[in-house]
Amino acid sequence: MTAAPLPATARCHCPSEDATQALAARLARCPALAHALVTLHGDLGAGKTTLVRHLLRALGVQGRIKSPTYAVVEPHTAPPATAWPDGLNVSHFDLYRFTDPREWEDAGFRELFADPGLKLVEWPEKAAGLLPPPDLSVTLTPMDDDARTLDLTAHTPAGRQLLAAACA
């Protein structure tokens, strides 16, 4: 019996908002994103929603992109691209206000996570044990001004592809 390989990790320093936007654009070009689960970790104000906004814009999502803090989930559709010729369904979750595991079932999250498409989850620790395993975990740490450090951990082959794309 062989031991499972350790997750791949990388640290990316984004010294500016433009650097964070460029990292999101690299992720948006990765075909593995089509059915990925990406969890976003960090304190309030670390830049989780900002990274999601940059990623959604890079995917071609138009219109207002708001934080799902009160709605818990915001659905988006990215236009067709080579990697997703029929467009890409994106669900952006913010579980900060999540307090009771029964909310998971009541809100239909099990079905949402079973559907195809990209899932972006802020505050995943609020649903510990209920979420499927992520492909990629991103921990954001704010530095000064618009600078932040992103620690990325790939947990699956798709996550390794996303990690490689982000750090290219």
N, C-alpha and C. Protein backbone atom coordinates (compact mmCIF):
# COMPACT_ATOMS: atom_id res chain seq x y z
N MET A 1 0.85 -1.18 0.00
CA MET A 1 0.00 0.00 0.00
C MET A 1 0.89 1.24 0.00
N THR A 2 0.65 2.13 -0.93
CA THR A 2 1.44 3.35 -1.03
C THR A 2 0.74 4.48 -0.32
N ALA A 3 1.52 5.32 0.29
CA ALA A 3 0.95 6.48 0.98
C ALA A 3 0.51 7.51 -0.05
N ALA A 4 -0.56 8.20 0.26
CA ALA A 4 -1.05 9.26 -0.63
C ALA A 4 -0.03 10.38 -0.65
N PRO A 5 0.18 10.98 -1.83
CA PRO A 5 1.14 12.08 -1.88
C PRO A 5 0.65 13.27 -1.07
N LEU A 6 1.59 13.99 -0.53
CA LEU A 6 1.25 15.19 0.23
C LEU A 6 0.69 16.25 -0.71
N PRO A 7 -0.17 17.11 -0.21
CA PRO A 7 -0.69 18.18 -1.07
C PRO A 7 0.45 19.08 -1.55
N ALA A 8 0.29 19.63 -2.72
CA ALA A 8 1.25 20.59 -3.25
C ALA A 8 0.89 21.97 -2.70
N THR A 9 1.89 22.75 -2.36
CA THR A 9 1.64 24.07 -1.81
C THR A 9 2.52 25.11 -2.50
N ALA A 10 2.08 26.34 -2.45
CA ALA A 10 2.86 27.45 -2.97
C ALA A 10 2.45 28.71 -2.24
N ARG A 11 3.36 29.66 -2.18
CA ARG A 11 3.06 30.97 -1.61
C ARG A 11 3.27 32.00 -2.70
N CYS A 12 2.25 32.82 -2.92
CA CYS A 12 2.32 33.89 -3.91
C CYS A 12 2.18 35.22 -3.18
N HIS A 13 3.13 36.10 -3.41
CA HIS A 13 3.04 37.44 -2.85
C HIS A 13 2.48 38.36 -3.91
N CYS A 14 1.38 39.00 -3.61
CA CYS A 14 0.75 39.96 -4.52
C CYS A 14 0.97 41.35 -3.92
N PRO A 15 1.96 42.09 -4.43
CA PRO A 15 2.29 43.38 -3.84
C PRO A 15 1.29 44.49 -4.13
N SER A 16 0.33 44.22 -5.03
CA SER A 16 -0.64 45.25 -5.40
C SER A 16 -1.95 44.59 -5.83
N GLU A 17 -2.96 45.43 -5.97
CA GLU A 17 -4.27 44.96 -6.47
C GLU A 17 -4.11 44.40 -7.88
N ASP A 18 -3.26 45.02 -8.68
CA ASP A 18 -3.02 44.54 -10.04
C ASP A 18 -2.42 43.13 -10.04
N ALA A 19 -1.55 42.85 -9.09
CA ALA A 19 -0.94 41.52 -9.00
C ALA A 19 -1.99 40.48 -8.61
N THR A 20 -2.90 40.84 -7.71
CA THR A 20 -3.98 39.93 -7.34
C THR A 20 -4.89 39.68 -8.54
N GLN A 21 -5.16 40.74 -9.30
CA GLN A 21 -5.99 40.60 -10.50
C GLN A 21 -5.30 39.71 -11.53
N ALA A 22 -4.00 39.84 -11.68
CA ALA A 22 -3.25 39.00 -12.63
C ALA A 22 -3.28 37.54 -12.21
N LEU A 23 -3.16 37.26 -10.91
CA LEU A 23 -3.24 35.88 -10.42
C LEU A 23 -4.61 35.30 -10.73
N ALA A 24 -5.66 36.08 -10.49
CA ALA A 24 -7.02 35.62 -10.79
C ALA A 24 -7.19 35.34 -12.28
N ALA A 25 -6.60 36.18 -13.12
CA ALA A 25 -6.69 35.98 -14.57
C ALA A 25 -6.00 34.68 -14.98
N ARG A 26 -4.87 34.36 -14.35
CA ARG A 26 -4.19 33.09 -14.67
C ARG A 26 -5.06 31.91 -14.27
N LEU A 27 -5.69 32.00 -13.11
CA LEU A 27 -6.61 30.93 -12.68
C LEU A 27 -7.76 30.77 -13.66
N ALA A 28 -8.29 31.89 -14.15
CA ALA A 28 -9.46 31.87 -15.05
C ALA A 28 -9.15 31.18 -16.38
N ARG A 29 -7.89 31.11 -16.76
CA ARG A 29 -7.52 30.46 -18.02
C ARG A 29 -7.30 28.96 -17.86
N CYS A 30 -7.39 28.43 -16.64
CA CYS A 30 -7.11 27.02 -16.40
C CYS A 30 -8.38 26.19 -16.58
N PRO A 31 -8.39 25.23 -17.52
CA PRO A 31 -9.58 24.41 -17.74
C PRO A 31 -10.04 23.64 -16.50
N ALA A 32 -9.13 23.35 -15.57
CA ALA A 32 -9.50 22.61 -14.36
C ALA A 32 -10.47 23.39 -13.48
N LEU A 33 -10.61 24.68 -13.73
CA LEU A 33 -11.50 25.51 -12.94
C LEU A 33 -12.97 25.15 -13.16
N ALA A 34 -13.27 24.52 -14.30
CA ALA A 34 -14.65 24.27 -14.71
C ALA A 34 -15.49 23.52 -13.68
N HIS A 35 -14.89 22.62 -12.96
CA HIS A 35 -15.66 21.85 -11.97
C HIS A 35 -14.97 21.82 -10.63
N ALA A 36 -14.25 22.89 -10.31
CA ALA A 36 -13.44 22.92 -9.10
C ALA A 36 -14.21 23.47 -7.91
N LEU A 37 -13.75 23.06 -6.75
CA LEU A 37 -14.18 23.64 -5.48
C LEU A 37 -12.95 24.33 -4.90
N VAL A 38 -13.06 25.65 -4.77
CA VAL A 38 -11.97 26.46 -4.22
C VAL A 38 -12.44 27.07 -2.92
N THR A 39 -11.73 26.79 -1.84
CA THR A 39 -12.07 27.38 -0.55
C THR A 39 -11.14 28.55 -0.28
N LEU A 40 -11.71 29.59 0.32
CA LEU A 40 -10.98 30.83 0.60
C LEU A 40 -10.99 31.09 2.10
N HIS A 41 -9.79 31.23 2.64
CA HIS A 41 -9.62 31.39 4.08
C HIS A 41 -8.94 32.72 4.36
N GLY A 42 -9.21 33.29 5.52
CA GLY A 42 -8.56 34.53 5.93
C GLY A 42 -9.48 35.34 6.81
N ASP A 43 -8.89 36.26 7.53
CA ASP A 43 -9.66 37.13 8.41
C ASP A 43 -10.56 38.06 7.62
N LEU A 44 -11.46 38.73 8.31
CA LEU A 44 -12.28 39.76 7.68
C LEU A 44 -11.35 40.79 7.05
N GLY A 45 -11.64 41.17 5.82
CA GLY A 45 -10.82 42.17 5.14
C GLY A 45 -9.55 41.64 4.51
N ALA A 46 -9.37 40.32 4.50
CA ALA A 46 -8.14 39.75 3.94
C ALA A 46 -8.11 39.81 2.42
N GLY A 47 -9.26 39.95 1.79
CA GLY A 47 -9.30 40.05 0.33
C GLY A 47 -9.96 38.86 -0.36
N LYS A 48 -10.70 38.05 0.38
CA LYS A 48 -11.35 36.88 -0.22
C LYS A 48 -12.34 37.29 -1.31
N THR A 49 -13.24 38.20 -0.99
CA THR A 49 -14.24 38.63 -1.97
C THR A 49 -13.58 39.39 -3.12
N THR A 50 -12.55 40.14 -2.83
CA THR A 50 -11.82 40.85 -3.89
C THR A 50 -11.23 39.86 -4.88
N LEU A 51 -10.62 38.79 -4.38
CA LEU A 51 -10.07 37.77 -5.27
C LEU A 51 -11.17 37.13 -6.11
N VAL A 52 -12.31 36.85 -5.50
CA VAL A 52 -13.44 36.27 -6.23
C VAL A 52 -13.92 37.23 -7.32
N ARG A 53 -14.03 38.51 -6.98
CA ARG A 53 -14.47 39.49 -7.99
C ARG A 53 -13.52 39.52 -9.18
N HIS A 54 -12.22 39.53 -8.89
CA HIS A 54 -11.24 39.53 -9.99
C HIS A 54 -11.37 38.26 -10.83
N LEU A 55 -11.57 37.12 -10.17
CA LEU A 55 -11.70 35.86 -10.89
C LEU A 55 -12.95 35.88 -11.77
N LEU A 56 -14.07 36.32 -11.22
CA LEU A 56 -15.31 36.36 -11.99
C LEU A 56 -15.20 37.31 -13.18
N ARG A 57 -14.58 38.46 -12.97
CA ARG A 57 -14.37 39.39 -14.09
C ARG A 57 -13.49 38.76 -15.16
N ALA A 58 -12.43 38.05 -14.73
CA ALA A 58 -11.54 37.39 -15.68
C ALA A 58 -12.27 36.29 -16.45
N LEU A 59 -13.28 35.71 -15.84
CA LEU A 59 -14.09 34.69 -16.51
C LEU A 59 -15.12 35.31 -17.45
N GLY A 60 -15.27 36.64 -17.40
CA GLY A 60 -16.20 37.32 -18.29
C GLY A 60 -17.55 37.59 -17.70
N VAL A 61 -17.71 37.41 -16.39
CA VAL A 61 -18.99 37.68 -15.73
C VAL A 61 -19.23 39.19 -15.77
N GLN A 62 -20.42 39.58 -16.23
CA GLN A 62 -20.79 40.98 -16.35
C GLN A 62 -21.71 41.37 -15.20
N GLY A 63 -21.93 42.67 -15.06
CA GLY A 63 -22.86 43.16 -14.05
C GLY A 63 -22.23 43.25 -12.69
N ARG A 64 -23.08 43.54 -11.73
CA ARG A 64 -22.63 43.73 -10.35
C ARG A 64 -22.24 42.38 -9.74
N ILE A 65 -21.11 42.38 -9.08
CA ILE A 65 -20.67 41.19 -8.35
C ILE A 65 -20.62 41.58 -6.89
N LYS A 66 -21.61 41.11 -6.15
CA LYS A 66 -21.68 41.50 -4.74
C LYS A 66 -21.30 40.33 -3.85
N SER A 67 -20.94 40.68 -2.64
CA SER A 67 -20.61 39.67 -1.65
C SER A 67 -21.89 38.96 -1.22
N PRO A 68 -21.84 37.63 -1.12
CA PRO A 68 -23.03 36.89 -0.70
C PRO A 68 -23.16 36.77 0.82
N THR A 69 -22.61 37.72 1.56
CA THR A 69 -22.62 37.62 3.02
C THR A 69 -24.02 37.39 3.58
N TYR A 70 -25.01 38.11 3.07
CA TYR A 70 -26.37 37.96 3.60
C TYR A 70 -27.17 36.92 2.84
N ALA A 71 -26.93 36.79 1.55
CA ALA A 71 -27.66 35.81 0.74
C ALA A 71 -27.06 34.41 0.90
N VAL A 72 -25.86 34.30 1.37
CA VAL A 72 -25.08 33.08 1.56
C VAL A 72 -24.52 32.54 0.24
N VAL A 73 -25.28 32.60 -0.84
CA VAL A 73 -24.77 32.15 -2.14
C VAL A 73 -25.26 33.10 -3.23
N GLU A 74 -24.35 33.42 -4.15
CA GLU A 74 -24.68 34.21 -5.33
C GLU A 74 -24.31 33.39 -6.56
N PRO A 75 -25.27 33.13 -7.43
CA PRO A 75 -24.98 32.41 -8.67
C PRO A 75 -24.52 33.38 -9.76
N HIS A 76 -23.61 32.92 -10.59
CA HIS A 76 -23.12 33.69 -11.73
C HIS A 76 -22.98 32.73 -12.91
N THR A 77 -22.99 33.29 -14.11
CA THR A 77 -22.72 32.49 -15.31
C THR A 77 -21.66 33.19 -16.12
N ALA A 78 -20.57 32.47 -16.36
CA ALA A 78 -19.51 32.98 -17.23
C ALA A 78 -19.85 32.60 -18.66
N PRO A 79 -19.55 33.47 -19.61
CA PRO A 79 -19.86 33.17 -21.01
C PRO A 79 -19.04 32.01 -21.54
N PRO A 80 -19.46 31.44 -22.66
CA PRO A 80 -18.72 30.32 -23.25
C PRO A 80 -17.25 30.67 -23.49
N ALA A 81 -16.42 29.66 -23.33
CA ALA A 81 -14.98 29.76 -23.58
C ALA A 81 -14.53 28.40 -24.08
N THR A 82 -13.30 28.30 -24.50
CA THR A 82 -12.78 27.03 -25.02
C THR A 82 -12.97 25.91 -24.01
N ALA A 83 -12.66 26.17 -22.75
CA ALA A 83 -12.74 25.13 -21.71
C ALA A 83 -14.17 24.82 -21.30
N TRP A 84 -15.10 25.73 -21.51
CA TRP A 84 -16.51 25.52 -21.17
C TRP A 84 -17.36 26.13 -22.28
N PRO A 85 -17.54 25.39 -23.38
CA PRO A 85 -18.24 25.93 -24.55
C PRO A 85 -19.70 26.29 -24.31
N ASP A 86 -20.31 25.76 -23.27
CA ASP A 86 -21.70 26.10 -22.97
C ASP A 86 -21.81 27.17 -21.88
N GLY A 87 -20.69 27.78 -21.53
CA GLY A 87 -20.68 28.72 -20.41
C GLY A 87 -20.33 27.96 -19.13
N LEU A 88 -20.15 28.70 -18.08
CA LEU A 88 -19.74 28.10 -16.80
C LEU A 88 -20.61 28.63 -15.68
N ASN A 89 -21.27 27.73 -14.97
CA ASN A 89 -22.02 28.11 -13.78
C ASN A 89 -21.04 28.25 -12.62
N VAL A 90 -21.17 29.37 -11.91
CA VAL A 90 -20.31 29.65 -10.77
C VAL A 90 -21.20 29.95 -9.58
N SER A 91 -20.93 29.28 -8.46
CA SER A 91 -21.63 29.57 -7.21
C SER A 91 -20.62 30.13 -6.22
N HIS A 92 -20.88 31.34 -5.75
CA HIS A 92 -20.01 32.01 -4.79
C HIS A 92 -20.70 31.99 -3.43
N PHE A 93 -20.13 31.25 -2.51
CA PHE A 93 -20.69 31.08 -1.18
C PHE A 93 -19.92 31.93 -0.18
N ASP A 94 -20.63 32.51 0.77
CA ASP A 94 -20.01 33.17 1.91
C ASP A 94 -20.72 32.60 3.14
N LEU A 95 -20.02 31.73 3.84
CA LEU A 95 -20.64 31.01 4.96
C LEU A 95 -20.39 31.69 6.31
N TYR A 96 -19.99 32.96 6.29
CA TYR A 96 -19.66 33.67 7.53
C TYR A 96 -20.81 33.62 8.53
N ARG A 97 -22.03 33.77 8.08
CA ARG A 97 -23.20 33.79 8.97
C ARG A 97 -23.81 32.41 9.19
N PHE A 98 -23.20 31.40 8.64
CA PHE A 98 -23.68 30.02 8.76
C PHE A 98 -23.52 29.59 10.21
N THR A 99 -24.61 29.17 10.87
CA THR A 99 -24.53 28.83 12.29
C THR A 99 -25.04 27.43 12.63
N ASP A 100 -25.85 26.85 11.77
CA ASP A 100 -26.49 25.59 12.09
C ASP A 100 -26.37 24.64 10.90
N PRO A 101 -25.83 23.43 11.11
CA PRO A 101 -25.70 22.49 10.00
C PRO A 101 -27.02 22.18 9.29
N ARG A 102 -28.14 22.35 9.96
CA ARG A 102 -29.43 22.12 9.30
C ARG A 102 -29.65 23.10 8.16
N GLU A 103 -29.02 24.29 8.27
CA GLU A 103 -29.13 25.28 7.20
C GLU A 103 -28.60 24.71 5.89
N TRP A 104 -27.61 23.83 5.98
CA TRP A 104 -27.00 23.21 4.80
C TRP A 104 -28.07 22.48 3.98
N GLU A 105 -28.81 21.62 4.65
CA GLU A 105 -29.88 20.87 3.99
C GLU A 105 -31.02 21.79 3.57
N ASP A 106 -31.46 22.65 4.49
CA ASP A 106 -32.59 23.53 4.21
C ASP A 106 -32.34 24.43 3.00
N ALA A 107 -31.11 24.86 2.82
CA ALA A 107 -30.77 25.76 1.72
C ALA A 107 -30.53 25.02 0.42
N GLY A 108 -30.50 23.70 0.45
CA GLY A 108 -30.27 22.92 -0.76
C GLY A 108 -28.82 22.89 -1.21
N PHE A 109 -27.90 23.12 -0.26
CA PHE A 109 -26.48 23.17 -0.62
C PHE A 109 -25.96 21.83 -1.12
N ARG A 110 -26.47 20.74 -0.60
CA ARG A 110 -26.01 19.43 -1.07
C ARG A 110 -26.22 19.32 -2.58
N GLU A 111 -27.39 19.77 -3.05
CA GLU A 111 -27.69 19.72 -4.48
C GLU A 111 -26.81 20.69 -5.25
N LEU A 112 -26.61 21.89 -4.70
CA LEU A 112 -25.78 22.88 -5.38
C LEU A 112 -24.35 22.37 -5.58
N PHE A 113 -23.82 21.71 -4.57
CA PHE A 113 -22.46 21.20 -4.68
C PHE A 113 -22.38 19.98 -5.59
N ALA A 114 -23.49 19.31 -5.81
CA ALA A 114 -23.51 18.17 -6.73
C ALA A 114 -23.63 18.62 -8.18
N ASP A 115 -24.15 19.82 -8.40
CA ASP A 115 -24.29 20.34 -9.75
C ASP A 115 -22.93 20.65 -10.36
N PRO A 116 -22.82 20.59 -11.69
CA PRO A 116 -21.55 20.95 -12.33
C PRO A 116 -21.28 22.45 -12.19
N GLY A 117 -20.02 22.80 -12.28
CA GLY A 117 -19.65 24.21 -12.24
C GLY A 117 -18.62 24.49 -11.16
N LEU A 118 -18.20 25.73 -11.13
CA LEU A 118 -17.19 26.20 -10.18
C LEU A 118 -17.86 26.61 -8.88
N LYS A 119 -17.29 26.19 -7.77
CA LYS A 119 -17.77 26.58 -6.44
C LYS A 119 -16.65 27.33 -5.73
N LEU A 120 -16.94 28.54 -5.29
CA LEU A 120 -16.01 29.37 -4.55
C LEU A 120 -16.60 29.59 -3.16
N VAL A 121 -15.88 29.19 -2.12
CA VAL A 121 -16.46 29.19 -0.78
C VAL A 121 -15.59 29.99 0.19
N GLU A 122 -16.16 31.12 0.66
CA GLU A 122 -15.52 31.89 1.72
C GLU A 122 -16.01 31.35 3.06
N TRP A 123 -15.13 31.34 4.04
CA TRP A 123 -15.42 30.86 5.39
C TRP A 123 -15.86 29.39 5.39
N PRO A 124 -15.15 28.49 4.72
CA PRO A 124 -15.56 27.08 4.65
C PRO A 124 -15.54 26.39 6.01
N GLU A 125 -14.76 26.90 6.94
CA GLU A 125 -14.71 26.28 8.27
C GLU A 125 -16.05 26.34 8.99
N LYS A 126 -16.94 27.23 8.57
CA LYS A 126 -18.28 27.32 9.17
C LYS A 126 -19.16 26.14 8.78
N ALA A 127 -18.75 25.39 7.77
CA ALA A 127 -19.50 24.21 7.33
C ALA A 127 -18.61 22.97 7.39
N ALA A 128 -17.71 22.97 8.35
CA ALA A 128 -16.78 21.84 8.49
C ALA A 128 -17.53 20.52 8.55
N GLY A 129 -17.05 19.57 7.77
CA GLY A 129 -17.67 18.25 7.74
C GLY A 129 -18.83 18.13 6.77
N LEU A 130 -19.31 19.25 6.23
CA LEU A 130 -20.43 19.22 5.30
C LEU A 130 -19.99 19.44 3.86
N LEU A 131 -18.91 20.18 3.68
CA LEU A 131 -18.41 20.45 2.34
C LEU A 131 -17.67 19.25 1.78
N PRO A 132 -17.74 19.07 0.47
CA PRO A 132 -16.86 18.07 -0.14
C PRO A 132 -15.41 18.56 -0.02
N PRO A 133 -14.44 17.67 -0.20
CA PRO A 133 -13.05 18.11 -0.12
C PRO A 133 -12.75 19.12 -1.23
N PRO A 134 -12.00 20.18 -0.91
CA PRO A 134 -11.69 21.17 -1.94
C PRO A 134 -10.62 20.68 -2.91
N ASP A 135 -10.63 21.24 -4.09
CA ASP A 135 -9.54 21.01 -5.03
C ASP A 135 -8.36 21.92 -4.66
N LEU A 136 -8.69 23.17 -4.31
CA LEU A 136 -7.66 24.14 -3.97
C LEU A 136 -8.13 24.96 -2.78
N SER A 137 -7.24 25.13 -1.82
CA SER A 137 -7.49 26.02 -0.68
C SER A 137 -6.58 27.22 -0.82
N VAL A 138 -7.15 28.41 -0.59
CA VAL A 138 -6.37 29.64 -0.68
C VAL A 138 -6.53 30.38 0.64
N THR A 139 -5.40 30.64 1.30
CA THR A 139 -5.42 31.44 2.53
C THR A 139 -4.80 32.79 2.22
N LEU A 140 -5.58 33.83 2.45
CA LEU A 140 -5.14 35.19 2.15
C LEU A 140 -4.72 35.89 3.44
N THR A 141 -3.57 36.53 3.39
CA THR A 141 -3.07 37.30 4.52
C THR A 141 -2.75 38.70 4.03
N PRO A 142 -3.47 39.71 4.54
CA PRO A 142 -3.17 41.07 4.11
C PRO A 142 -1.83 41.53 4.66
N MET A 143 -1.12 42.30 3.84
CA MET A 143 0.14 42.88 4.28
C MET A 143 -0.14 44.37 4.51
N ASP A 144 0.51 45.23 3.82
CA ASP A 144 0.21 46.65 3.95
C ASP A 144 -0.41 47.16 2.64
N ASP A 145 -1.24 48.16 2.74
CA ASP A 145 -1.96 48.72 1.60
C ASP A 145 -2.73 47.62 0.88
N ASP A 146 -2.50 47.46 -0.43
CA ASP A 146 -3.21 46.45 -1.22
C ASP A 146 -2.44 45.15 -1.35
N ALA A 147 -1.32 45.03 -0.67
CA ALA A 147 -0.50 43.82 -0.75
C ALA A 147 -1.12 42.71 0.08
N ARG A 148 -0.96 41.49 -0.43
CA ARG A 148 -1.42 40.32 0.33
C ARG A 148 -0.57 39.12 -0.08
N THR A 149 -0.51 38.17 0.83
CA THR A 149 0.15 36.90 0.55
C THR A 149 -0.93 35.85 0.43
N LEU A 150 -0.81 35.00 -0.59
CA LEU A 150 -1.74 33.90 -0.80
C LEU A 150 -0.99 32.60 -0.63
N ASP A 151 -1.44 31.79 0.31
CA ASP A 151 -0.91 30.44 0.48
C ASP A 151 -1.91 29.50 -0.16
N LEU A 152 -1.44 28.78 -1.19
CA LEU A 152 -2.31 27.89 -1.96
C LEU A 152 -1.93 26.44 -1.67
N THR A 153 -2.94 25.61 -1.47
CA THR A 153 -2.74 24.18 -1.25
C THR A 153 -3.65 23.40 -2.18
N ALA A 154 -3.04 22.57 -3.00
CA ALA A 154 -3.78 21.71 -3.93
C ALA A 154 -4.04 20.37 -3.25
N HIS A 155 -5.28 19.92 -3.28
CA HIS A 155 -5.66 18.67 -2.63
C HIS A 155 -6.00 17.57 -3.62
N THR A 156 -6.12 17.91 -4.90
CA THR A 156 -6.53 16.97 -5.95
C THR A 156 -5.68 17.23 -7.20
N PRO A 157 -5.76 16.34 -8.19
CA PRO A 157 -5.09 16.63 -9.46
C PRO A 157 -5.57 17.95 -10.09
N ALA A 158 -6.87 18.23 -10.02
CA ALA A 158 -7.39 19.50 -10.55
C ALA A 158 -6.79 20.66 -9.77
N GLY A 159 -6.68 20.48 -8.47
CA GLY A 159 -6.09 21.52 -7.62
C GLY A 159 -4.64 21.78 -7.99
N ARG A 160 -3.90 20.72 -8.34
CA ARG A 160 -2.50 20.89 -8.77
C ARG A 160 -2.42 21.70 -10.06
N GLN A 161 -3.38 21.47 -10.97
CA GLN A 161 -3.40 22.25 -12.20
C GLN A 161 -3.69 23.73 -11.91
N LEU A 162 -4.62 23.97 -10.98
CA LEU A 162 -4.95 25.33 -10.61
C LEU A 162 -3.76 26.02 -9.93
N LEU A 163 -3.08 25.27 -9.07
CA LEU A 163 -1.90 25.79 -8.37
C LEU A 163 -0.82 26.18 -9.39
N ALA A 164 -0.58 25.31 -10.36
CA ALA A 164 0.42 25.58 -11.39
C ALA A 164 0.02 26.82 -12.20
N ALA A 165 -1.26 26.96 -12.52
CA ALA A 165 -1.73 28.11 -13.29
C ALA A 165 -1.56 29.40 -12.48
N ALA A 166 -1.92 29.37 -11.21
CA ALA A 166 -1.85 30.56 -10.37
C ALA A 166 -0.43 31.05 -10.22
N CYS A 167 0.51 30.12 -10.15
CA CYS A 167 1.90 30.47 -9.88
C CYS A 167 2.74 30.60 -11.14
N ALA A 168 2.12 30.49 -12.31
CA ALA A 168 2.88 30.56 -13.57
C ALA A 168 3.51 31.92 -13.77
